[in-house]
Amino acid sequence: MQTEVFQVRNVRCQGCVTAIREGLAELAGVDEVEVSIEEGRVTVRGQGLERARIAEKLAALGYPEAPAA
């Protein structure tokens, strides 16, 4: 199983978590999505994941990747 981790902005509530989980579930190969509100982190697990497509979907949902610290 492949794992991709994203630091994202704008994750503030359970509604955000639901939007991210449902939005990413639409992508091919996504089996599991974990969202940490406290850490602003999204972890995606599955097979054949395309990091760029996941990042694009997150941005389209309103949760763009945070710049590296």
Protein backbone atom coordinates (compact mmCIF):
# COMPACT_ATOMS: atom_id res chain seq x y z
CA MET A 1 0.00 0.00 0.00
CA GLN A 2 1.22 3.47 -0.91
CA THR A 3 1.01 6.43 1.49
CA GLU A 4 1.10 10.14 0.62
CA VAL A 5 1.13 12.85 3.31
CA PHE A 6 0.15 16.48 2.74
CA GLN A 7 0.42 19.54 4.97
CA VAL A 8 -2.59 21.66 4.06
CA ARG A 9 -4.16 24.97 4.99
CA ASN A 10 -7.71 25.85 6.05
CA VAL A 11 -8.63 22.62 7.90
CA ARG A 12 -10.63 23.99 10.82
CA CYS A 13 -13.57 21.73 11.64
CA GLN A 14 -15.24 18.36 11.22
CA GLY A 15 -17.00 19.69 8.13
CA CYS A 16 -13.59 20.25 6.54
CA VAL A 17 -12.61 16.68 7.41
CA THR A 18 -15.76 15.33 5.78
CA ALA A 19 -15.27 17.44 2.64
CA ILE A 20 -11.68 16.22 2.27
CA ARG A 21 -12.54 12.56 2.86
CA GLU A 22 -15.46 12.59 0.43
CA GLY A 23 -13.59 14.61 -2.20
CA LEU A 24 -10.49 12.42 -2.18
CA ALA A 25 -12.56 9.22 -2.14
CA GLU A 26 -13.57 10.11 -5.70
CA LEU A 27 -9.99 9.66 -6.92
CA ALA A 28 -8.85 6.35 -8.37
CA GLY A 29 -6.74 4.21 -6.07
CA VAL A 30 -7.67 5.99 -2.83
CA ASP A 31 -8.57 3.47 -0.11
CA GLU A 32 -8.20 5.49 3.09
CA VAL A 33 -8.01 9.17 4.05
CA GLU A 34 -7.01 10.42 7.50
CA VAL A 35 -7.26 14.12 8.38
CA SER A 36 -5.69 15.81 11.40
CA ILE A 37 -7.30 19.18 12.16
CA GLU A 38 -4.70 19.98 14.81
CA GLU A 39 -1.72 19.31 12.56
CA GLY A 40 -3.25 20.37 9.23
CA ARG A 41 -2.23 17.02 7.81
CA VAL A 42 -3.94 14.76 5.30
CA THR A 43 -2.71 11.18 4.92
CA VAL A 44 -3.88 9.21 1.90
CA ARG A 45 -3.39 5.47 1.48
CA GLY A 46 -4.08 3.32 -1.53
CA GLN A 47 -2.62 1.85 -4.69
CA GLY A 48 -1.26 3.77 -7.68
CA LEU A 49 -1.72 7.16 -6.02
CA GLU A 50 -0.72 10.21 -8.04
CA ARG A 51 0.54 12.87 -5.64
CA ALA A 52 -0.03 15.73 -8.11
CA ARG A 53 -3.67 14.73 -8.69
CA ILE A 54 -4.33 14.51 -4.96
CA ALA A 55 -2.75 17.94 -4.41
CA GLU A 56 -4.86 19.40 -7.22
CA LYS A 57 -8.03 17.91 -5.72
CA LEU A 58 -7.17 19.25 -2.26
CA ALA A 59 -6.63 22.74 -3.72
CA ALA A 60 -9.90 22.53 -5.67
CA LEU A 61 -11.68 21.62 -2.42
CA GLY A 62 -10.18 24.72 -0.74
CA TYR A 63 -7.32 23.01 1.13
CA PRO A 64 -4.09 23.87 -0.71
CA GLU A 65 -0.76 22.47 0.36
CA ALA A 66 1.06 24.62 2.89
CA PRO A 67 4.52 25.81 1.88
CA ALA A 68 7.40 23.85 3.37
CA ALA A 69 8.68 25.37 6.58
